[in-house]
C-alpha atoms as a PDB file:
ATOM      1  CA  MET A   1      28.720  -7.777  11.620  1.00  0.00           C
ATOM      2  CA  THR A   2      27.046  -4.012  12.221  1.00  0.00           C
ATOM      3  CA  ALA A   3      24.436  -2.479   9.930  1.00  0.00           C
ATOM      4  CA  GLY A   4      26.951  -0.488   8.095  1.00  0.00           C
ATOM      5  CA  ASP A   5      29.135  -3.449   7.174  1.00  0.00           C
ATOM      6  CA  ASP A   6      26.031  -5.203   6.074  1.00  0.00           C
ATOM      7  CA  THR A   7      25.436  -1.960   3.555  1.00  0.00           C
ATOM      8  CA  LYS A   8      28.576  -2.075   2.352  1.00  0.00           C
ATOM      9  CA  LYS A   9      29.050  -5.636   1.696  1.00  0.00           C
ATOM     10  CA  SER A  10      25.655  -4.981  -0.332  1.00  0.00           C
ATOM     11  CA  VAL A  11      27.011  -2.296  -2.708  1.00  0.00           C
ATOM     12  CA  SER A  12      27.348  -4.141  -6.049  1.00  0.00           C
ATOM     13  CA  GLY A  13      28.020  -1.412  -8.693  1.00  0.00           C
ATOM     14  CA  GLU A  14      27.221   2.307  -9.881  1.00  0.00           C
ATOM     15  CA  LYS A  15      24.937   4.167 -12.644  1.00  0.00           C
ATOM     16  CA  THR A  16      23.378   7.787 -13.087  1.00  0.00           C
ATOM     17  CA  ILE A  17      19.716   7.815 -12.491  1.00  0.00           C
ATOM     18  CA  GLY A  18      17.850  11.094 -12.537  1.00  0.00           C
ATOM     19  CA  GLY A  19      20.911  13.096 -13.488  1.00  0.00           C
ATOM     20  CA  HIS A  20      22.879  11.682 -10.200  1.00  0.00           C
ATOM     21  CA  GLU A  21      25.485   9.069  -9.747  1.00  0.00           C
ATOM     22  CA  VAL A  22      24.050   6.440  -7.332  1.00  0.00           C
ATOM     23  CA  SER A  23      25.532   3.226  -5.914  1.00  0.00           C
ATOM     24  CA  LEU A  24      23.203   0.107  -6.249  1.00  0.00           C
ATOM     25  CA  TYR A  25      22.800  -2.685  -3.400  1.00  0.00           C
ATOM     26  CA  ASN A  26      22.359  -6.029  -4.480  1.00  0.00           C
ATOM     27  CA  ASP A  27      21.439  -5.263  -8.136  1.00  0.00           C
ATOM     28  CA  ASP A  28      22.198  -8.976  -9.339  1.00  0.00           C
ATOM     29  CA  GLN A  29      19.305 -10.079  -7.421  1.00  0.00           C
ATOM     30  CA  PHE A  30      17.151  -7.075  -8.363  1.00  0.00           C
ATOM     31  CA  ALA A  31      18.330  -7.194 -12.260  1.00  0.00           C
ATOM     32  CA  ALA A  32      16.851 -11.080 -12.172  1.00  0.00           C
ATOM     33  CA  VAL A  33      13.305  -9.534 -10.900  1.00  0.00           C
ATOM     34  CA  ARG A  34      13.345  -6.785 -13.534  1.00  0.00           C
ATOM     35  CA  LYS A  35      14.112  -9.663 -16.394  1.00  0.00           C
ATOM     36  CA  ALA A  36      11.701 -12.011 -14.864  1.00  0.00           C
ATOM     37  CA  HIS A  37       9.026  -9.164 -14.799  1.00  0.00           C
ATOM     38  CA  LYS A  38      10.267  -7.839 -18.261  1.00  0.00           C
ATOM     39  CA  ILE A  39      11.026  -4.348 -17.248  1.00  0.00           C
ATOM     40  CA  PRO A  40      13.344  -2.570 -19.896  1.00  0.00           C
ATOM     41  CA  ASP A  41      16.774  -0.887 -19.119  1.00  0.00           C
ATOM     42  CA  ASP A  42      15.636   2.410 -19.283  1.00  0.00           C
ATOM     43  CA  PHE A  43      12.370   2.224 -16.669  1.00  0.00           C
ATOM     44  CA  LEU A  44      13.523   5.068 -15.111  1.00  0.00           C
ATOM     45  CA  SER A  45      14.224   7.314 -17.958  1.00  0.00           C
ATOM     46  CA  ASP A  46      11.617  10.028 -16.994  1.00  0.00           C
ATOM     47  CA  PHE A  47      12.685   9.918 -13.180  1.00  0.00           C
ATOM     48  CA  LYS A  48      14.176  13.196 -11.600  1.00  0.00           C
ATOM     49  CA  PHE A  49      14.957  13.791  -7.914  1.00  0.00           C
ATOM     50  CA  SER A  50      12.923  17.478  -8.242  1.00  0.00           C
ATOM     51  CA  ASN A  51       9.986  15.509  -8.754  1.00  0.00           C
ATOM     52  CA  LEU A  52      10.444  13.747  -5.023  1.00  0.00           C
ATOM     53  CA  LYS A  53       7.376  14.998  -2.892  1.00  0.00           C
ATOM     54  CA  HIS A  54       6.546  14.419   0.562  1.00  0.00           C
ATOM     55  CA  ALA A  55       3.613  11.766   0.710  1.00  0.00           C
ATOM     56  CA  GLY A  56       0.743  11.710   3.053  1.00  0.00           C
ATOM     57  CA  GLY A  57       0.172   9.032   5.962  1.00  0.00           C
ATOM     58  CA  LYS A  58       2.523   8.771   8.853  1.00  0.00           C
ATOM     59  CA  GLY A  59       5.684   8.050   7.269  1.00  0.00           C
ATOM     60  CA  GLY A  60       5.809  11.102   4.825  1.00  0.00           C
ATOM     61  CA  ASN A  61       8.937  10.039   3.252  1.00  0.00           C
ATOM     62  CA  PRO A  62       9.404  11.766  -0.178  1.00  0.00           C
ATOM     63  CA  ILE A  63       8.260   9.762  -3.252  1.00  0.00           C
ATOM     64  CA  ALA A  64       7.742  10.087  -6.955  1.00  0.00           C
ATOM     65  CA  PHE A  65       5.549   8.519  -9.184  1.00  0.00           C
ATOM     66  CA  THR A  66       6.767   8.444 -12.711  1.00  0.00           C
ATOM     67  CA  LYS A  67       4.706   8.485 -16.156  1.00  0.00           C
ATOM     68  CA  LYS A  68       6.023   4.595 -16.722  1.00  0.00           C
ATOM     69  CA  GLY A  69       3.692   3.385 -13.808  1.00  0.00           C
ATOM     70  CA  PHE A  70       6.931   3.212 -10.917  1.00  0.00           C
ATOM     71  CA  ILE A  71       7.498   4.506  -7.712  1.00  0.00           C
ATOM     72  CA  VAL A  72      10.589   5.857  -6.266  1.00  0.00           C
ATOM     73  CA  LYS A  73      10.483   6.192  -2.481  1.00  0.00           C
ATOM     74  CA  ASN A  74      13.413   7.541  -0.372  1.00  0.00           C
ATOM     75  CA  LEU A  75      13.755   5.171   2.667  1.00  0.00           C
ATOM     76  CA  LYS A  76      14.124   5.734   6.292  1.00  0.00           C
ATOM     77  CA  GLU A  77      17.282   3.821   7.680  1.00  0.00           C
ATOM     78  CA  GLY A  78      15.431   1.418   9.191  1.00  0.00           C
ATOM     79  CA  ASP A  79      13.537   0.397   5.995  1.00  0.00           C
ATOM     80  CA  HIS A  80      16.654   0.817   4.058  1.00  0.00           C
ATOM     81  CA  GLN A  81      18.525  -2.251   6.445  1.00  0.00           C
ATOM     82  CA  CYS A  82      15.361  -4.419   6.700  1.00  0.00           C
ATOM     83  CA  LEU A  83      15.294  -4.366   2.689  1.00  0.00           C
ATOM     84  CA  ILE A  84      19.182  -5.239   2.769  1.00  0.00           C
ATOM     85  CA  GLU A  85      18.353  -7.862   5.133  1.00  0.00           C
ATOM     86  CA  LEU A  86      15.352  -9.394   3.373  1.00  0.00           C
ATOM     87  CA  THR A  87      16.563  -8.567  -0.459  1.00  0.00           C
ATOM     88  CA  GLU A  88      17.174 -12.116  -1.303  1.00  0.00           C
ATOM     89  CA  ARG A  89      13.891 -13.919   0.167  1.00  0.00           C
ATOM     90  CA  LEU A  90      11.954 -10.703  -1.572  1.00  0.00           C
ATOM     91  CA  CYS A  91      13.599 -11.421  -4.667  1.00  0.00           C
ATOM     92  CA  SER A  92      12.920 -14.924  -4.582  1.00  0.00           C
ATOM     93  CA  ARG A  93       9.227 -14.097  -3.989  1.00  0.00           C
ATOM     94  CA  ALA A  94       8.811 -11.672  -6.688  1.00  0.00           C
ATOM     95  CA  SER A  95       9.791 -14.534  -9.232  1.00  0.00           C
ATOM     96  CA  GLN A  96       6.769 -16.286  -7.938  1.00  0.00           C
ATOM     97  CA  ASN A  97       3.406 -15.626 -10.253  1.00  0.00           C
ATOM     98  CA  GLU A  98       0.978 -15.547  -7.262  1.00  0.00           C
ATOM     99  CA  SER A  99       1.981 -12.855  -4.595  1.00  0.00           C
ATOM    100  CA  PHE A 100       0.307  -9.356  -3.970  1.00  0.00           C
ATOM    101  CA  ILE A 101       3.598  -8.002  -2.320  1.00  0.00           C
ATOM    102  CA  SER A 102       4.748  -5.182  -4.435  1.00  0.00           C
ATOM    103  CA  PRO A 103       8.263  -6.202  -5.887  1.00  0.00           C
ATOM    104  CA  PHE A 104      11.373  -4.221  -5.626  1.00  0.00           C
ATOM    105  CA  TYR A 105      13.420  -3.482  -9.005  1.00  0.00           C
ATOM    106  CA  LEU A 106      16.107  -1.619  -7.936  1.00  0.00           C
ATOM    107  CA  HIS A 107      17.661  -0.397  -4.305  1.00  0.00           C
ATOM    108  CA  PHE A 108      20.266   2.300  -4.354  1.00  0.00           C
ATOM    109  CA  LYS A 109      22.050   5.188  -2.722  1.00  0.00           C
ATOM    110  CA  ASP A 110      22.053   8.927  -4.069  1.00  0.00           C
ATOM    111  CA  LEU A 111      25.522   9.727  -3.682  1.00  0.00           C
ATOM    112  CA  GLN A 112      24.955  13.436  -4.007  1.00  0.00           C
ATOM    113  CA  SER A 113      22.487  13.642  -1.125  1.00  0.00           C
ATOM    114  CA  GLY A 114      23.536  10.285   0.827  1.00  0.00           C
ATOM    115  CA  ARG A 115      19.959   9.299   0.805  1.00  0.00           C
ATOM    116  CA  ASN A 116      18.594   5.572   0.309  1.00  0.00           C
ATOM    117  CA  PHE A 117      15.739   4.754  -2.348  1.00  0.00           C
ATOM    118  CA  ALA A 118      13.973   1.942  -3.562  1.00  0.00           C
ATOM    119  CA  VAL A 119      11.972   1.275  -6.852  1.00  0.00           C
ATOM    120  CA  MET A 120       8.647  -0.512  -7.105  1.00  0.00           C
ATOM    121  CA  PRO A 121       5.921  -0.743  -9.356  1.00  0.00           C
ATOM    122  CA  ASN A 122       2.756   1.543  -9.047  1.00  0.00           C
ATOM    123  CA  ALA A 123      -0.081  -0.463  -7.855  1.00  0.00           C
ATOM    124  CA  PHE A 124      -2.905   1.729  -9.473  1.00  0.00           C
ATOM    125  CA  TRP A 125      -1.037   2.182 -12.752  1.00  0.00           C
ATOM    126  CA  ARG A 126      -2.016   0.320 -15.788  1.00  0.00           C
ATOM    127  CA  ILE A 127      -1.862   1.631 -19.535  1.00  0.00           C
ATOM    128  CA  SER A 128      -5.453   3.027 -20.283  1.00  0.00           C
ATOM    129  CA  ILE A 129      -7.060   4.038 -23.738  1.00  0.00           C
ATOM    130  CA  GLY A 130      -9.156   6.626 -21.525  1.00  0.00           C
ATOM    131  CA  LYS A 131      -9.745   8.211 -18.494  1.00  0.00           C
ATOM    132  CA  ILE A 132      -9.519   5.505 -15.495  1.00  0.00           C
ATOM    133  CA  PHE A 133     -12.662   6.040 -13.287  1.00  0.00           C
ATOM    134  CA  TRP A 134     -11.755   5.042  -9.748  1.00  0.00           C
ATOM    135  CA  LYS A 135     -14.666   3.989  -7.549  1.00  0.00           C
ATOM    136  CA  PHE A 136     -12.349   3.475  -4.698  1.00  0.00           C
ATOM    137  CA  LYS A 137      -8.699   3.437  -3.843  1.00  0.00           C
ATOM    138  CA  MET A 138      -8.217   1.987  -0.337  1.00  0.00           C
ATOM    139  CA  ASP A 139      -5.284   1.125   2.270  1.00  0.00           C
ATOM    140  CA  LEU A 140      -6.397  -1.529   3.935  1.00  0.00           C
ATOM    141  CA  LYS A 141      -4.557  -3.173   7.271  1.00  0.00           C
ATOM    142  CA  GLY A 142      -7.647  -4.996   8.552  1.00  0.00           C
ATOM    143  CA  CYS A 143      -8.005  -2.691  11.438  1.00  0.00           C
ATOM    144  CA  GLN A 144      -9.446   0.899  12.300  1.00  0.00           C
ATOM    145  CA  ASP A 145      -6.186   2.121  10.631  1.00  0.00           C
ATOM    146  CA  ASP A 146      -8.201   1.433   7.237  1.00  0.00           C
ATOM    147  CA  ARG A 147      -8.828   4.290   5.190  1.00  0.00           C
ATOM    148  CA  MET A 148      -9.983   5.476   1.763  1.00  0.00           C
ATOM    149  CA  ILE A 149      -7.631   7.257  -0.741  1.00  0.00           C
ATOM    150  CA  GLN A 150     -10.334   8.118  -3.217  1.00  0.00           C
ATOM    151  CA  SER A 151     -14.041   7.615  -4.084  1.00  0.00           C
ATOM    152  CA  ASP A 152     -15.605   8.205  -7.067  1.00  0.00           C
ATOM    153  CA  ASN A 153     -12.750   9.921  -8.493  1.00  0.00           C
ATOM    154  CA  GLU A 154     -12.130  12.416  -5.674  1.00  0.00           C
ATOM    155  CA  ASP A 155      -9.314  12.215  -3.179  1.00  0.00           C
ATOM    156  CA  THR A 156     -10.288  11.654   0.401  1.00  0.00           C
ATOM    157  CA  PRO A 157      -8.683  14.460   2.622  1.00  0.00           C
ATOM    158  CA  GLU A 158      -6.514  12.986   5.354  1.00  0.00           C
ATOM    159  CA  VAL A 159      -7.981  15.204   8.676  1.00  0.00           C
ATOM    160  CA  HIS A 160      -6.206  12.962  11.441  1.00  0.00           C
ATOM    161  CA  LYS A 161      -7.438  12.880  15.074  1.00  0.00           C
ATOM    162  CA  ARG A 162      -4.340  12.048  17.200  1.00  0.00           C
ATOM    163  CA  PHE A 163      -4.774  11.872  20.706  1.00  0.00           C
ATOM    164  CA  TRP A 164      -3.065  14.976  21.386  1.00  0.00           C
ATOM    165  CA  MET A 165      -5.035  16.898  18.806  1.00  0.00           C
ATOM    166  CA  CYS A 166      -7.314  18.716  21.354  1.00  0.00           C
ATOM    167  CA  TRP A 167      -8.241  21.550  18.888  1.00  0.00           C
ATOM    168  CA  ASN A 168      -9.424  19.148  16.540  1.00  0.00           C
ATOM    169  CA  CYS A 169     -12.697  18.180  18.175  1.00  0.00           C
ATOM    170  CA  TRP A 170     -11.029  15.366  20.234  1.00  0.00           C
ATOM    171  CA  TYR A 171     -14.260  14.191  21.699  1.00  0.00           C
ATOM    172  CA  CYS A 172     -17.099  14.218  19.467  1.00  0.00           C
ATOM    173  CA  CYS A 173     -16.845  15.857  15.902  1.00  0.00           C
ATOM    174  CA  ASP A 174     -16.734  12.505  14.603  1.00  0.00           C
ATOM    175  CA  TYR A 175     -20.659  11.674  15.177  1.00  0.00           C
ATOM    176  CA  CYS A 176     -22.565  14.667  16.599  1.00  0.00           C
ATOM    177  CA  CYS A 177     -21.285  17.429  15.078  1.00  0.00           C
ATOM    178  CA  TYR A 178     -22.181  18.536  11.629  1.00  0.00           C
ATOM    179  CA  ASP A 179     -21.258  22.586  11.237  1.00  0.00           C
ATOM    180  CA  CYS A 180     -18.060  22.997  13.542  1.00  0.00           C
ATOM    181  CA  ASP A 181     -16.292  25.403  11.552  1.00  0.00           C
ATOM    182  CA  SER A 182     -13.790  26.131  13.877  1.00  0.00           C
ATOM    183  CA  CYS A 183     -11.955  22.730  13.760  1.00  0.00           C
ATOM    184  CA  GLY A 184     -12.725  21.756  10.039  1.00  0.00           C
ATOM    185  CA  CYS A 185     -15.282  18.871  11.251  1.00  0.00           C
ATOM    186  CA  LEU A 186     -16.674  18.390   7.879  1.00  0.00           C
ATOM    187  CA  GLU A 187     -13.741  17.079   6.411  1.00  0.00           C
ATOM    188  CA  ARG A 188     -12.802  15.278   9.511  1.00  0.00           C
ATOM    189  CA  ARG A 189     -16.367  13.359   9.262  1.00  0.00           C
ATOM    190  CA  LYS A 190     -15.674  12.791   5.613  1.00  0.00           C
ATOM    191  CA  TYR A 191     -12.260  11.157   6.129  1.00  0.00           C
ATOM    192  CA  LYS A 192     -13.934   9.186   9.163  1.00  0.00           C
ATOM    193  CA  LEU A 193     -16.814   7.959   7.015  1.00  0.00           C
ATOM    194  CA  GLY A 194     -14.277   6.663   4.484  1.00  0.00           C
ATOM    195  CA  LYS A 195     -12.573   4.975   7.035  1.00  0.00           C
ATOM    196  CA  VAL A 196     -15.690   3.416   8.231  1.00  0.00           C
ATOM    197  CA  GLU A 197     -16.366   2.000   4.559  1.00  0.00           C
ATOM    198  CA  ALA A 198     -12.771   0.921   4.139  1.00  0.00           C
ATOM    199  CA  TYR A 199     -12.943  -1.338   7.316  1.00  0.00           C
ATOM    200  CA  LEU A 200     -16.261  -2.301   7.110  1.00  0.00           C
ATOM    201  CA  GLY A 201     -17.793  -2.398   3.619  1.00  0.00           C
ATOM    202  CA  LYS A 202     -17.506  -5.383   1.055  1.00  0.00           C
ATOM    203  CA  LEU A 203     -16.418  -5.814  -2.111  1.00  0.00           C
ATOM    204  CA  GLN A 204     -17.332  -8.677  -4.848  1.00  0.00           C
ATOM    205  CA  LEU A 205     -15.407 -11.159  -6.826  1.00  0.00           C
ATOM    206  CA  THR A 206     -16.353 -14.134  -8.568  1.00  0.00           C
ATOM    207  CA  GLN A 207     -15.762 -17.570  -6.774  1.00  0.00           C
ATOM    208  CA  LYS A 208     -12.858 -18.473  -8.775  1.00  0.00           C
ATOM    209  CA  GLN A 209     -11.004 -14.965  -8.307  1.00  0.00           C
ATOM    210  CA  LYS A 210     -12.256 -15.404  -4.414  1.00  0.00           C
ATOM    211  CA  ILE A 211     -10.420 -18.738  -4.188  1.00  0.00           C
ATOM    212  CA  LYS A 212      -7.123 -17.575  -5.899  1.00  0.00           C
ATOM    213  CA  PHE A 213      -7.393 -14.186  -3.850  1.00  0.00           C
ATOM    214  CA  ALA A 214      -7.516 -15.905  -0.624  1.00  0.00           C
ATOM    215  CA  ARG A 215      -5.106 -18.313  -1.571  1.00  0.00           C
ATOM    216  CA  THR A 216      -2.785 -15.782  -2.357  1.00  0.00           C
ATOM    217  CA  LEU A 217      -3.278 -13.356   0.346  1.00  0.00           C
ATOM    218  CA  GLN A 218      -2.837 -16.403   2.999  1.00  0.00           C
ATOM    219  CA  SER A 219       0.442 -17.099   1.038  1.00  0.00           C
ATOM    220  CA  ASP A 220       1.843 -13.593   1.511  1.00  0.00           C
ATOM    221  CA  ALA A 221       0.720 -13.077   5.306  1.00  0.00           C
ATOM    222  CA  GLU A 222       2.780 -16.403   5.980  1.00  0.00           C
ATOM    223  CA  PHE A 223       5.758 -15.297   4.239  1.00  0.00           C
ATOM    224  CA  LEU A 224       5.755 -11.860   6.128  1.00  0.00           C
ATOM    225  CA  LYS A 225       5.015 -13.719   9.143  1.00  0.00           C
ATOM    226  CA  LYS A 226       8.214 -15.552   8.808  1.00  0.00           C
ATOM    227  CA  CYS A 227       9.835 -12.299   7.737  1.00  0.00           C
ATOM    228  CA  GLY A 228       9.081 -10.803  11.346  1.00  0.00           C
ATOM    229  CA  THR A 229       7.301  -7.927   9.939  1.00  0.00           C
ATOM    230  CA  MET A 230       4.196  -5.691  10.688  1.00  0.00           C
ATOM    231  CA  ASP A 231       1.964  -2.799   9.959  1.00  0.00           C
ATOM    232  CA  TYR A 232       1.783  -3.412   6.167  1.00  0.00           C
ATOM    233  CA  SER A 233      -1.052  -2.443   4.075  1.00  0.00           C
ATOM    234  CA  LEU A 234      -3.007  -4.166   1.114  1.00  0.00           C
ATOM    235  CA  LEU A 235      -3.643  -1.195  -1.737  1.00  0.00           C
ATOM    236  CA  VAL A 236      -6.964  -1.854  -3.109  1.00  0.00           C
ATOM    237  CA  GLY A 237      -7.864  -0.123  -6.346  1.00  0.00           C
ATOM    238  CA  VAL A 238     -11.299  -0.558  -7.862  1.00  0.00           C
ATOM    239  CA  GLU A 239     -12.323   0.820 -11.471  1.00  0.00           C
ATOM    240  CA  ALA A 240     -15.445   0.650 -12.484  1.00  0.00           C
ATOM    241  CA  TYR A 241     -17.547   1.204 -16.101  1.00  0.00           C
ATOM    242  CA  SER A 242     -20.461   0.565 -17.572  1.00  0.00           C
ATOM    243  CA  SER A 243     -18.958  -0.751 -20.855  1.00  0.00           C
ATOM    244  CA  PRO A 244     -17.039  -4.308 -20.791  1.00  0.00           C
ATOM    245  CA  GLU A 245     -14.929  -2.388 -23.702  1.00  0.00           C
ATOM    246  CA  ASP A 246     -13.527  -0.106 -20.886  1.00  0.00           C
ATOM    247  CA  ALA A 247     -12.578  -3.181 -18.767  1.00  0.00           C
ATOM    248  CA  LYS A 248     -10.718  -5.266 -21.212  1.00  0.00           C
ATOM    249  CA  ASP A 249      -7.147  -6.286 -21.249  1.00  0.00           C
ATOM    250  CA  ALA A 250      -7.198  -5.163 -17.296  1.00  0.00           C
ATOM    251  CA  GLY A 251      -6.051  -8.558 -16.002  1.00  0.00           C
ATOM    252  CA  GLU A 252      -7.601 -11.700 -14.333  1.00  0.00           C
ATOM    253  CA  TYR A 253      -9.320  -9.633 -11.269  1.00  0.00           C
ATOM    254  CA  THR A 254     -12.312  -8.255 -13.305  1.00  0.00           C
ATOM    255  CA  CYS A 255     -16.042  -8.860 -13.142  1.00  0.00           C
ATOM    256  CA  CYS A 256     -19.541  -7.778 -13.608  1.00  0.00           C
ATOM    257  CA  ILE A 257     -22.021  -6.841 -10.715  1.00  0.00           C
ATOM    258  CA  ARG A 258     -25.335  -5.559 -10.763  1.00  0.00           C
ATOM    259  CA  ASP A 259     -25.957  -1.978  -9.502  1.00  0.00           C
ATOM    260  CA  GLU A 260     -28.160  -2.539  -6.071  1.00  0.00           C
ATOM    261  CA  THR A 261     -29.734   0.931  -6.759  1.00  0.00           C
ATOM    262  CA  THR A 262     -30.056   1.315 -10.779  1.00  0.00           C
ATOM    263  CA  GLY A 263     -29.858  -2.664 -11.439  1.00  0.00           C
ATOM    264  CA  ASP A 264     -27.504  -1.603 -14.258  1.00  0.00           C
ATOM    265  CA  LYS A 265     -24.504  -3.852 -14.943  1.00  0.00           C
ATOM    266  CA  VAL A 266     -21.088  -2.257 -13.713  1.00  0.00           C
ATOM    267  CA  TYR A 267     -17.718  -3.918 -14.799  1.00  0.00           C
ATOM    268  CA  LEU A 268     -15.040  -3.657 -12.072  1.00  0.00           C
ATOM    269  CA  VAL A 269     -11.223  -3.791 -12.223  1.00  0.00           C
ATOM    270  CA  TYR A 270      -9.304  -4.955  -9.144  1.00  0.00           C
ATOM    271  CA  HIS A 271      -5.524  -3.674  -8.245  1.00  0.00           C
ATOM    272  CA  PHE A 272      -3.926  -5.188  -5.492  1.00  0.00           C
ATOM    273  CA  GLY A 273      -0.312  -4.615  -4.100  1.00  0.00           C
ATOM    274  CA  ILE A 274       0.817  -5.401  -0.220  1.00  0.00           C
ATOM    275  CA  VAL A 275       3.347  -2.139   0.476  1.00  0.00           C
ATOM    276  CA  ASP A 276       4.975  -0.912   3.475  1.00  0.00           C
ATOM    277  CA  ILE A 277       6.249  -4.084   4.548  1.00  0.00           C
ATOM    278  CA  PHE A 278       9.820  -3.255   6.342  1.00  0.00           C
ATOM    279  CA  GLN A 279       8.238  -2.454  10.057  1.00  0.00           C
ATOM    280  CA  LYS A 280       9.829  -4.563  12.455  1.00  0.00           C
ATOM    281  CA  TRP A 281       8.412  -5.116  16.075  1.00  0.00           C
ATOM    282  CA  THR A 282      10.683  -3.185  17.698  1.00  0.00           C
ATOM    283  CA  CYS A 283      10.762  -1.430  21.217  1.00  0.00           C
ATOM    284  CA  ALA A 284       9.559   1.671  20.136  1.00  0.00           C
ATOM    285  CA  LYS A 285       6.408  -0.323  19.030  1.00  0.00           C
ATOM    286  CA  VAL A 286       6.263  -2.186  22.331  1.00  0.00           C
ATOM    287  CA  ILE A 287       5.983   1.200  23.826  1.00  0.00           C
ATOM    288  CA  ALA A 288       3.513   2.576  21.471  1.00  0.00           C
ATOM    289  CA  ARG A 289       1.279  -0.486  22.134  1.00  0.00           C
ATOM    290  CA  THR A 290       1.469   0.205  25.619  1.00  0.00           C
ATOM    291  CA  ILE A 291       0.276   3.814  25.553  1.00  0.00           C
ATOM    292  CA  LYS A 292      -2.374   2.977  23.194  1.00  0.00           C
ATOM    293  CA  LEU A 293      -3.844  -0.077  25.658  1.00  0.00           C
ATOM    294  CA  SER A 294      -3.739   2.461  28.574  1.00  0.00           C
ATOM    295  CA  CYS A 295      -6.602   4.560  27.460  1.00  0.00           C
ATOM    296  CA  PRO A 296      -9.203   3.676  24.886  1.00  0.00           C
ATOM    297  CA  CYS A 297      -9.453   7.380  23.876  1.00  0.00           C
ATOM    298  CA  PHE A 298      -5.773   7.173  22.449  1.00  0.00           C
ATOM    299  CA  ALA A 299      -6.755   4.620  19.626  1.00  0.00           C
ATOM    300  CA  PRO A 300      -9.701   2.830  18.255  1.00  0.00           C
ATOM    301  CA  ARG A 301      -9.600  -0.721  18.288  1.00  0.00           C
ATOM    302  CA  PRO A 302      -8.931  -3.258  17.075  1.00  0.00           C
ATOM    303  CA  LEU A 303      -4.878  -1.784  17.189  1.00  0.00           C
ATOM    304  CA  SER A 304      -2.481  -2.051  14.182  1.00  0.00           C
ATOM    305  CA  THR A 305       0.388  -1.995  16.666  1.00  0.00           C
ATOM    306  CA  ILE A 306       0.280  -5.842  17.272  1.00  0.00           C
ATOM    307  CA  GLN A 307       3.035  -8.467  16.805  1.00  0.00           C
ATOM    308  CA  PRO A 308       4.183  -9.806  13.581  1.00  0.00           C
ATOM    309  CA  GLU A 309       2.192 -13.317  13.921  1.00  0.00           C
ATOM    310  CA  PRO A 310      -1.411 -12.012  14.840  1.00  0.00           C
ATOM    311  CA  TYR A 311      -0.871  -9.416  12.731  1.00  0.00           C
ATOM    312  CA  ALA A 312      -0.520 -11.481   9.441  1.00  0.00           C
ATOM    313  CA  ASN A 313      -3.188 -13.957  10.923  1.00  0.00           C
ATOM    314  CA  ARG A 314      -5.698 -10.891  11.420  1.00  0.00           C
ATOM    315  CA  PHE A 315      -4.768  -9.335   8.162  1.00  0.00           C
ATOM    316  CA  ALA A 316      -5.414 -12.392   6.088  1.00  0.00           C
ATOM    317  CA  GLN A 317      -8.624 -13.338   8.108  1.00  0.00           C
ATOM    318  CA  HIS A 318     -10.298  -9.802   7.726  1.00  0.00           C
ATOM    319  CA  LEU A 319      -9.264  -8.827   4.125  1.00  0.00           C
ATOM    320  CA  ILE A 320     -10.490 -12.375   2.751  1.00  0.00           C
ATOM    321  CA  ALA A 321     -13.861 -11.984   4.506  1.00  0.00           C
ATOM    322  CA  LYS A 322     -14.024  -8.599   2.926  1.00  0.00           C
ATOM    323  CA  PHE A 323     -14.725 -10.204  -0.454  1.00  0.00           C
ATOM    324  CA  LEU A 324     -18.120 -11.724  -1.340  1.00  0.00           C
ATOM    325  CA  VAL A 325     -19.455 -13.510  -4.375  1.00  0.00           C
ATOM    326  CA  ASN A 326     -23.191 -12.864  -3.962  1.00  0.00           C
ATOM    327  CA  ASN A 327     -23.613 -10.072  -6.616  1.00  0.00           C
ATOM    328  CA  ILE A 328     -21.668 -11.143  -9.572  1.00  0.00           C
ATOM    329  CA  ILE A 329     -23.250 -11.673 -13.174  1.00  0.00           C
ATOM    330  CA  GLY A 330     -21.928 -14.568 -15.032  1.00  0.00           C
END
């Protein structure tokens, strides 16, 4: 059976979303997830296709954030086929209480454009009575691809240094140039320092939270290993407040630490979500790994481009070790 046959077999109805007619894939299974998570029928009432914008990062697929806390993402063909293949397992997994894997609530094709989309929750969204202060937002893989998305409520600029970008101070601007105006290396340096902090920096949880976090992450990594995928990320959002009132009703991953500089109490609220789970180990990945291994300049170590089993093992081991329990109050 071809991929096209699988797609046709998976079509389960039609409806209108964002003013467009769409075909639904396997919606009996996604409807069960929506019911389990108490997602209302009108959860996409504020979505418009005109709100789709190209995302940052390597993928860059169009994406839209709704005011109700959902993400609508245009899927590449490979991701679309992988979601069809994994729908049953992912929907079953989404019914479990302990999982950081971002659940999928809808998978559909826009009949007007022919594009495929998936809908999932925004890991960084919650109902708040006031303005959220984001101490950190990070995208973590457990390797040198880790990056800072936001720090102290300010977006971290993405200034990549690919091996072919000789115009961007390829060799040394990360470490020894501070005033090179020609290549914008100050922004690059800020991005690089954010990556180092995301990869090497430590975070705090209570002992009880650390045990549950480790158990959940290890279970998710084992699940994704069996799915045969790699290159996924753990999104980590950290809110920080001086008052416990600001952190109330924010979920179970909330704790209080002592600021090492001022000695003041800081109340932290953590958000977790595993995303971008559809990358299989393909011939393209084998070629990419071979190129990266041919010269250390092409990609810093450790590489993200490794097979699903070692990727899952390193992902869980590195991220579990990232959380400490030695600065917790109470």
